[in-house]
């Protein structure tokens, strides 16, 4: 439907459609292991509350406010997430740097990385696509679109 380099936009959701079709087809029946890296505990809690209240997905949320600690856990295989949710604006290490570091961990080549940020601009999302993020969701989370993305459904 979309070409490899096209970015599609639906309200607060951007994705490289080719990558979306290829990688995001996680199982609704499985208890998904979601890793969230965001310096704001409040934003993490809001994300978890929204997903718990409005989605039909069974999940466990691993919460990380320090991106360096999260990367260390990933490198040492302390956690093997099905999906990584990443903020862009963090004081010690920005989301682009974290995404690049995640992509350098060979065990995570097939793990979808989703950007969840208040920085909702097209240029930023194109940059995320180039760095191979799988999607962008604006804060606060649109649970319906997020659930469709996880399940690989078209919208």
N, C-alpha and C. Protein backbone atom coordinates (compact mmCIF):
# COMPACT_ATOMS: atom_id res chain seq x y z
N UNK A 1 0.81 -1.19 0.00
CA UNK A 1 0.00 0.00 0.00
C UNK A 1 0.86 1.26 0.00
N UNK A 2 1.87 1.33 0.87
CA UNK A 2 2.76 2.48 0.92
C UNK A 2 4.13 2.07 0.43
N UNK A 3 4.87 3.01 -0.11
CA UNK A 3 6.23 2.73 -0.53
C UNK A 3 7.14 2.65 0.68
N UNK A 4 8.34 2.14 0.48
CA UNK A 4 9.30 1.94 1.57
C UNK A 4 9.66 3.25 2.27
N UNK A 5 9.77 4.34 1.54
CA UNK A 5 10.21 5.58 2.14
C UNK A 5 9.09 6.54 2.50
N UNK A 6 7.85 6.13 2.37
CA UNK A 6 6.75 7.04 2.70
C UNK A 6 6.47 7.03 4.19
N UNK A 7 6.07 8.18 4.65
CA UNK A 7 5.63 8.31 6.03
C UNK A 7 4.13 8.54 5.97
N UNK A 8 3.36 7.72 6.66
CA UNK A 8 1.92 7.94 6.69
C UNK A 8 1.58 8.63 8.00
N UNK A 9 0.51 9.41 7.99
CA UNK A 9 0.13 10.14 9.20
C UNK A 9 -1.36 9.97 9.45
N UNK A 10 -1.70 9.59 10.66
CA UNK A 10 -3.09 9.53 11.09
C UNK A 10 -3.16 10.25 12.44
N UNK A 11 -3.60 11.47 12.46
CA UNK A 11 -3.70 12.31 13.65
C UNK A 11 -2.37 12.37 14.39
N UNK A 12 -2.23 11.61 15.47
CA UNK A 12 -1.01 11.70 16.27
C UNK A 12 -0.14 10.45 16.12
N UNK A 13 -0.16 9.84 14.96
CA UNK A 13 0.57 8.60 14.74
C UNK A 13 1.32 8.67 13.41
N UNK A 14 2.59 8.43 13.44
CA UNK A 14 3.40 8.35 12.23
C UNK A 14 4.05 6.98 12.19
N UNK A 15 4.21 6.45 11.00
CA UNK A 15 4.92 5.18 10.89
C UNK A 15 5.52 5.03 9.50
N UNK A 16 6.60 4.31 9.42
CA UNK A 16 7.11 3.88 8.14
C UNK A 16 6.30 2.63 7.83
N UNK A 17 5.39 2.72 6.88
CA UNK A 17 4.42 1.65 6.64
C UNK A 17 5.11 0.33 6.30
N UNK A 18 6.22 0.37 5.60
CA UNK A 18 6.92 -0.86 5.23
C UNK A 18 7.40 -1.58 6.49
N UNK A 19 8.04 -0.86 7.39
CA UNK A 19 8.52 -1.45 8.63
C UNK A 19 7.35 -1.93 9.48
N UNK A 20 6.29 -1.12 9.52
CA UNK A 20 5.09 -1.46 10.28
C UNK A 20 4.54 -2.81 9.84
N UNK A 21 4.41 -3.01 8.54
CA UNK A 21 3.87 -4.27 8.01
C UNK A 21 4.81 -5.44 8.31
N UNK A 22 6.10 -5.19 8.28
CA UNK A 22 7.06 -6.26 8.44
C UNK A 22 7.22 -6.73 9.88
N UNK A 23 7.21 -5.80 10.83
CA UNK A 23 7.62 -6.17 12.18
C UNK A 23 6.53 -6.18 13.24
N UNK A 24 5.49 -5.42 13.11
CA UNK A 24 4.56 -5.26 14.22
C UNK A 24 3.33 -6.14 14.07
N UNK A 25 3.41 -7.29 14.62
CA UNK A 25 2.31 -8.25 14.60
C UNK A 25 2.38 -9.05 15.90
N UNK A 26 2.37 -8.33 17.01
CA UNK A 26 2.49 -8.98 18.30
C UNK A 26 1.18 -9.64 18.70
N UNK A 27 1.27 -10.69 19.44
CA UNK A 27 0.14 -11.54 19.77
C UNK A 27 -0.72 -10.95 20.89
N UNK A 28 -2.01 -10.80 20.62
CA UNK A 28 -2.95 -10.27 21.61
C UNK A 28 -3.06 -11.19 22.83
N UNK A 29 -2.88 -12.49 22.63
CA UNK A 29 -3.05 -13.46 23.72
C UNK A 29 -1.85 -13.45 24.67
N UNK A 30 -0.71 -13.02 24.19
CA UNK A 30 0.52 -13.05 24.97
C UNK A 30 0.57 -11.88 25.95
N UNK A 31 1.18 -12.10 27.10
CA UNK A 31 1.45 -11.01 28.04
C UNK A 31 2.70 -10.29 27.52
N UNK A 32 2.47 -9.18 26.84
CA UNK A 32 3.57 -8.46 26.20
C UNK A 32 4.50 -7.82 27.22
N UNK A 33 5.77 -7.96 26.96
CA UNK A 33 6.79 -7.32 27.78
C UNK A 33 7.13 -5.99 27.12
N UNK A 34 6.63 -4.90 27.69
CA UNK A 34 6.86 -3.57 27.13
C UNK A 34 7.85 -2.85 28.02
N UNK A 35 8.91 -2.34 27.42
CA UNK A 35 9.91 -1.55 28.14
C UNK A 35 9.67 -0.08 27.80
N UNK A 36 9.52 0.76 28.82
CA UNK A 36 9.31 2.18 28.58
C UNK A 36 10.48 2.97 29.16
N UNK A 37 11.08 3.81 28.31
CA UNK A 37 12.19 4.66 28.73
C UNK A 37 11.74 6.10 28.60
N UNK A 38 11.54 6.74 29.74
CA UNK A 38 11.04 8.11 29.78
C UNK A 38 11.48 8.71 31.11
N UNK A 39 12.05 9.89 31.09
CA UNK A 39 12.55 10.50 32.33
C UNK A 39 11.43 10.98 33.25
N UNK A 40 10.20 11.02 32.76
CA UNK A 40 9.08 11.51 33.55
C UNK A 40 8.28 10.34 34.14
N UNK A 41 8.33 10.20 35.47
CA UNK A 41 7.54 9.16 36.13
C UNK A 41 6.05 9.40 35.91
N UNK A 42 5.66 10.66 35.85
CA UNK A 42 4.25 11.01 35.63
C UNK A 42 3.78 10.53 34.25
N UNK A 43 4.60 10.74 33.22
CA UNK A 43 4.25 10.30 31.87
C UNK A 43 4.20 8.78 31.78
N UNK A 44 5.11 8.11 32.46
CA UNK A 44 5.10 6.64 32.48
C UNK A 44 3.81 6.14 33.13
N UNK A 45 3.44 6.75 34.25
CA UNK A 45 2.23 6.34 34.96
C UNK A 45 0.99 6.59 34.11
N UNK A 46 0.94 7.73 33.44
CA UNK A 46 -0.20 8.04 32.57
C UNK A 46 -0.30 7.03 31.43
N UNK A 47 0.83 6.69 30.82
CA UNK A 47 0.87 5.69 29.75
C UNK A 47 0.32 4.36 30.26
N UNK A 48 0.81 3.92 31.42
CA UNK A 48 0.37 2.65 31.99
C UNK A 48 -1.12 2.68 32.33
N UNK A 49 -1.57 3.78 32.93
CA UNK A 49 -2.98 3.91 33.30
C UNK A 49 -3.88 3.87 32.07
N UNK A 50 -3.51 4.60 31.03
CA UNK A 50 -4.32 4.62 29.80
C UNK A 50 -4.36 3.24 29.16
N UNK A 51 -3.21 2.60 29.05
CA UNK A 51 -3.15 1.28 28.42
C UNK A 51 -3.93 0.25 29.24
N UNK A 52 -3.82 0.32 30.56
CA UNK A 52 -4.55 -0.61 31.43
C UNK A 52 -6.06 -0.43 31.32
N UNK A 53 -6.49 0.81 31.27
CA UNK A 53 -7.92 1.11 31.30
C UNK A 53 -8.60 0.93 29.94
N UNK A 54 -7.89 1.23 28.86
CA UNK A 54 -8.56 1.32 27.57
C UNK A 54 -8.19 0.25 26.55
N UNK A 55 -7.15 -0.53 26.80
CA UNK A 55 -6.77 -1.52 25.79
C UNK A 55 -7.22 -2.92 26.18
N UNK A 56 -7.15 -3.81 25.22
CA UNK A 56 -7.47 -5.22 25.45
C UNK A 56 -6.20 -6.07 25.44
N UNK A 57 -5.09 -5.41 25.64
CA UNK A 57 -3.79 -6.08 25.58
C UNK A 57 -3.32 -6.42 26.98
N UNK A 58 -2.86 -7.64 27.14
CA UNK A 58 -2.26 -8.05 28.40
C UNK A 58 -0.77 -7.69 28.32
N UNK A 59 -0.29 -6.95 29.32
CA UNK A 59 1.10 -6.49 29.23
C UNK A 59 1.73 -6.35 30.61
N UNK A 60 3.05 -6.37 30.60
CA UNK A 60 3.84 -6.01 31.77
C UNK A 60 4.71 -4.85 31.33
N UNK A 61 4.68 -3.76 32.09
CA UNK A 61 5.45 -2.57 31.73
C UNK A 61 6.68 -2.47 32.61
N UNK A 62 7.83 -2.52 31.97
CA UNK A 62 9.11 -2.33 32.65
C UNK A 62 9.44 -0.84 32.50
N UNK A 63 9.57 -0.13 33.62
CA UNK A 63 9.68 1.33 33.63
C UNK A 63 11.12 1.77 33.91
N UNK A 64 11.63 2.63 33.03
CA UNK A 64 13.00 3.12 33.16
C UNK A 64 13.02 4.63 33.01
N UNK A 65 13.48 5.34 34.04
CA UNK A 65 13.59 6.79 33.95
C UNK A 65 15.01 7.23 33.59
N UNK A 66 15.95 6.33 33.67
CA UNK A 66 17.33 6.63 33.30
C UNK A 66 17.69 5.83 32.06
N UNK A 67 17.90 6.49 30.92
CA UNK A 67 18.19 5.76 29.69
C UNK A 67 19.48 4.94 29.75
N UNK A 68 20.48 5.42 30.49
CA UNK A 68 21.74 4.67 30.60
C UNK A 68 21.51 3.34 31.32
N UNK A 69 20.70 3.36 32.38
CA UNK A 69 20.38 2.12 33.10
C UNK A 69 19.58 1.16 32.20
N UNK A 70 18.67 1.72 31.42
CA UNK A 70 17.87 0.89 30.51
C UNK A 70 18.76 0.22 29.47
N UNK A 71 19.68 0.97 28.91
CA UNK A 71 20.60 0.39 27.91
C UNK A 71 21.49 -0.68 28.52
N UNK A 72 21.94 -0.43 29.73
CA UNK A 72 22.75 -1.43 30.43
C UNK A 72 21.97 -2.73 30.62
N UNK A 73 20.72 -2.61 31.03
CA UNK A 73 19.87 -3.80 31.23
C UNK A 73 19.67 -4.54 29.91
N UNK A 74 19.49 -3.81 28.83
CA UNK A 74 19.32 -4.44 27.51
C UNK A 74 20.61 -5.13 27.07
N UNK A 75 21.73 -4.47 27.25
CA UNK A 75 23.02 -5.07 26.84
C UNK A 75 23.34 -6.32 27.64
N UNK A 76 22.98 -6.32 28.92
CA UNK A 76 23.26 -7.49 29.77
C UNK A 76 22.13 -8.51 29.77
N UNK A 77 21.16 -8.28 28.90
CA UNK A 77 20.04 -9.19 28.70
C UNK A 77 19.25 -9.44 29.98
N UNK A 78 19.19 -8.41 30.84
CA UNK A 78 18.36 -8.49 32.04
C UNK A 78 16.88 -8.41 31.68
N UNK A 79 16.62 -7.84 30.52
CA UNK A 79 15.25 -7.70 30.04
C UNK A 79 15.25 -7.96 28.54
N UNK A 80 14.23 -8.69 28.07
CA UNK A 80 14.06 -8.95 26.64
C UNK A 80 12.65 -8.51 26.26
N UNK A 81 12.50 -7.22 25.95
CA UNK A 81 11.15 -6.70 25.68
C UNK A 81 10.63 -7.13 24.31
N UNK A 82 9.30 -7.20 24.22
CA UNK A 82 8.64 -7.42 22.93
C UNK A 82 8.52 -6.09 22.19
N UNK A 83 8.52 -5.00 22.94
CA UNK A 83 8.33 -3.66 22.40
C UNK A 83 9.01 -2.66 23.32
N UNK A 84 9.68 -1.66 22.72
CA UNK A 84 10.31 -0.60 23.50
C UNK A 84 9.61 0.71 23.16
N UNK A 85 9.19 1.43 24.20
CA UNK A 85 8.55 2.74 24.06
C UNK A 85 9.53 3.77 24.59
N UNK A 86 9.85 4.76 23.77
CA UNK A 86 10.96 5.67 24.06
C UNK A 86 10.55 7.13 23.94
N UNK A 87 10.88 7.92 24.95
CA UNK A 87 10.68 9.37 24.91
C UNK A 87 11.85 10.00 24.16
N UNK A 88 11.62 11.18 23.56
CA UNK A 88 12.70 11.89 22.86
C UNK A 88 13.44 12.87 23.75
N UNK A 89 12.69 13.59 24.58
CA UNK A 89 13.29 14.66 25.39
C UNK A 89 13.65 14.16 26.77
N UNK A 90 14.92 13.83 26.95
CA UNK A 90 15.42 13.40 28.25
C UNK A 90 16.73 14.14 28.52
N UNK A 91 17.00 14.49 29.78
CA UNK A 91 18.14 15.36 30.07
C UNK A 91 19.52 14.73 29.90
N UNK A 92 19.67 13.47 30.26
CA UNK A 92 21.01 12.88 30.22
C UNK A 92 21.39 12.32 28.86
N UNK A 93 20.41 11.81 28.15
CA UNK A 93 20.64 11.19 26.85
C UNK A 93 19.34 11.30 26.07
N UNK A 94 19.35 11.98 24.93
CA UNK A 94 18.09 12.16 24.20
C UNK A 94 17.65 10.88 23.50
N UNK A 95 16.41 10.86 23.08
CA UNK A 95 15.83 9.66 22.48
C UNK A 95 16.53 9.19 21.22
N UNK A 96 17.03 10.13 20.42
CA UNK A 96 17.75 9.74 19.20
C UNK A 96 19.01 8.96 19.55
N UNK A 97 19.71 9.41 20.58
CA UNK A 97 20.92 8.71 21.02
C UNK A 97 20.58 7.32 21.57
N UNK A 98 19.51 7.24 22.33
CA UNK A 98 19.08 5.96 22.90
C UNK A 98 18.67 5.00 21.79
N UNK A 99 17.91 5.50 20.82
CA UNK A 99 17.47 4.66 19.71
C UNK A 99 18.67 4.12 18.93
N UNK A 100 19.65 4.98 18.68
CA UNK A 100 20.85 4.54 17.96
C UNK A 100 21.57 3.44 18.76
N UNK A 101 21.68 3.61 20.08
CA UNK A 101 22.33 2.61 20.92
C UNK A 101 21.55 1.30 20.94
N UNK A 102 20.22 1.39 20.97
CA UNK A 102 19.38 0.18 20.93
C UNK A 102 19.62 -0.58 19.63
N UNK A 103 19.69 0.14 18.52
CA UNK A 103 19.87 -0.50 17.21
C UNK A 103 21.24 -1.17 17.09
N UNK A 104 22.19 -0.78 17.94
CA UNK A 104 23.52 -1.40 17.91
C UNK A 104 23.58 -2.70 18.72
N UNK A 105 22.52 -3.02 19.44
CA UNK A 105 22.45 -4.27 20.21
C UNK A 105 21.82 -5.33 19.30
N UNK A 106 22.63 -6.27 18.85
CA UNK A 106 22.19 -7.21 17.82
C UNK A 106 20.96 -8.03 18.21
N UNK A 107 20.80 -8.35 19.49
CA UNK A 107 19.64 -9.15 19.92
C UNK A 107 18.32 -8.40 19.76
N UNK A 108 18.38 -7.11 19.52
CA UNK A 108 17.16 -6.31 19.45
C UNK A 108 16.79 -5.91 18.02
N UNK A 109 17.42 -6.52 17.04
CA UNK A 109 17.15 -6.17 15.63
C UNK A 109 15.69 -6.31 15.25
N UNK A 110 14.99 -7.27 15.82
CA UNK A 110 13.59 -7.50 15.48
C UNK A 110 12.62 -6.86 16.47
N UNK A 111 13.12 -6.18 17.47
CA UNK A 111 12.26 -5.59 18.50
C UNK A 111 11.76 -4.21 18.04
N UNK A 112 10.45 -4.04 17.94
CA UNK A 112 9.93 -2.72 17.54
C UNK A 112 10.21 -1.66 18.59
N UNK A 113 10.62 -0.48 18.13
CA UNK A 113 10.84 0.67 19.00
C UNK A 113 9.86 1.75 18.58
N UNK A 114 9.09 2.24 19.54
CA UNK A 114 8.08 3.25 19.32
C UNK A 114 8.48 4.51 20.06
N UNK A 115 8.40 5.64 19.37
CA UNK A 115 8.67 6.92 20.01
C UNK A 115 7.35 7.44 20.59
N UNK A 116 7.39 7.86 21.84
CA UNK A 116 6.22 8.41 22.53
C UNK A 116 6.67 9.74 23.12
N UNK A 117 6.27 10.84 22.47
CA UNK A 117 6.84 12.13 22.84
C UNK A 117 5.85 13.28 22.64
N UNK A 118 6.12 14.37 23.32
CA UNK A 118 5.33 15.59 23.11
C UNK A 118 5.88 16.38 21.93
N UNK A 119 7.05 16.00 21.42
CA UNK A 119 7.63 16.65 20.24
C UNK A 119 6.97 16.07 18.99
N UNK A 120 5.86 16.62 18.60
CA UNK A 120 5.09 16.08 17.49
C UNK A 120 5.28 16.95 16.25
N UNK A 121 6.42 16.76 15.57
CA UNK A 121 6.62 17.47 14.31
C UNK A 121 7.13 16.52 13.25
N UNK A 122 6.82 16.83 12.03
CA UNK A 122 7.11 15.95 10.91
C UNK A 122 8.60 15.68 10.75
N UNK A 123 9.43 16.72 10.88
CA UNK A 123 10.87 16.55 10.69
C UNK A 123 11.45 15.56 11.70
N UNK A 124 10.99 15.67 12.93
CA UNK A 124 11.46 14.76 13.96
C UNK A 124 11.08 13.33 13.64
N UNK A 125 9.89 13.15 13.12
CA UNK A 125 9.42 11.81 12.78
C UNK A 125 10.14 11.23 11.58
N UNK A 126 10.51 12.06 10.64
CA UNK A 126 11.31 11.59 9.50
C UNK A 126 12.67 11.14 10.02
N UNK A 127 13.26 11.91 10.94
CA UNK A 127 14.54 11.52 11.54
C UNK A 127 14.41 10.19 12.27
N UNK A 128 13.30 9.98 12.98
CA UNK A 128 13.08 8.73 13.68
C UNK A 128 12.94 7.56 12.70
N UNK A 129 12.33 7.82 11.56
CA UNK A 129 12.19 6.78 10.54
C UNK A 129 13.56 6.40 9.99
N UNK A 130 14.39 7.39 9.75
CA UNK A 130 15.74 7.13 9.25
C UNK A 130 16.53 6.30 10.26
N UNK A 131 16.33 6.58 11.55
CA UNK A 131 17.01 5.81 12.60
C UNK A 131 16.29 4.48 12.88
N UNK A 132 15.25 4.20 12.12
CA UNK A 132 14.51 2.95 12.18
C UNK A 132 13.63 2.78 13.41
N UNK A 133 13.05 3.88 13.88
CA UNK A 133 11.97 3.74 14.85
C UNK A 133 10.79 3.19 14.07
N UNK A 134 9.94 2.45 14.72
CA UNK A 134 8.83 1.83 14.02
C UNK A 134 7.60 2.71 13.95
N UNK A 135 7.47 3.63 14.91
CA UNK A 135 6.30 4.51 14.91
C UNK A 135 6.53 5.65 15.88
N UNK A 136 5.69 6.66 15.74
CA UNK A 136 5.69 7.80 16.65
C UNK A 136 4.27 7.99 17.17
N UNK A 137 4.13 8.12 18.49
CA UNK A 137 2.85 8.43 19.11
C UNK A 137 3.02 9.67 19.95
N UNK A 138 2.14 10.65 19.74
CA UNK A 138 2.17 11.87 20.54
C UNK A 138 1.61 11.60 21.93
N UNK A 139 2.11 12.37 22.90
CA UNK A 139 1.57 12.32 24.26
C UNK A 139 0.35 13.23 24.32
N UNK A 140 -0.70 12.87 25.03
CA UNK A 140 -0.92 11.59 25.69
C UNK A 140 -1.28 10.50 24.66
N UNK A 141 -1.09 9.27 25.03
CA UNK A 141 -1.25 8.13 24.14
C UNK A 141 -2.67 7.98 23.61
N UNK A 142 -2.78 7.77 22.30
CA UNK A 142 -4.04 7.37 21.69
C UNK A 142 -4.04 5.84 21.74
N UNK A 143 -4.73 5.28 22.71
CA UNK A 143 -4.67 3.83 22.98
C UNK A 143 -5.18 3.02 21.81
N UNK A 144 -6.23 3.46 21.15
CA UNK A 144 -6.80 2.70 20.04
C UNK A 144 -5.78 2.55 18.90
N UNK A 145 -5.11 3.63 18.53
CA UNK A 145 -4.10 3.54 17.48
C UNK A 145 -2.90 2.71 17.92
N UNK A 146 -2.52 2.85 19.18
CA UNK A 146 -1.40 2.08 19.71
C UNK A 146 -1.72 0.59 19.68
N UNK A 147 -2.91 0.23 20.08
CA UNK A 147 -3.32 -1.17 20.07
C UNK A 147 -3.35 -1.71 18.63
N UNK A 148 -3.87 -0.92 17.70
CA UNK A 148 -3.89 -1.34 16.29
C UNK A 148 -2.46 -1.55 15.79
N UNK A 149 -1.56 -0.66 16.17
CA UNK A 149 -0.17 -0.78 15.76
C UNK A 149 0.44 -2.07 16.30
N UNK A 150 0.25 -2.35 17.58
CA UNK A 150 0.81 -3.55 18.20
C UNK A 150 0.30 -4.81 17.53
N UNK A 151 -0.98 -4.81 17.20
CA UNK A 151 -1.58 -6.01 16.61
C UNK A 151 -1.41 -6.09 15.10
N UNK A 152 -0.80 -5.06 14.50
CA UNK A 152 -0.54 -5.08 13.07
C UNK A 152 -1.79 -4.88 12.25
N UNK A 153 -2.78 -4.21 12.82
CA UNK A 153 -4.03 -3.97 12.09
C UNK A 153 -3.94 -2.68 11.29
N UNK A 154 -4.64 -2.65 10.18
CA UNK A 154 -4.68 -1.43 9.37
C UNK A 154 -5.70 -0.47 9.94
N UNK A 155 -5.47 0.81 9.71
CA UNK A 155 -6.40 1.83 10.18
C UNK A 155 -6.39 2.97 9.20
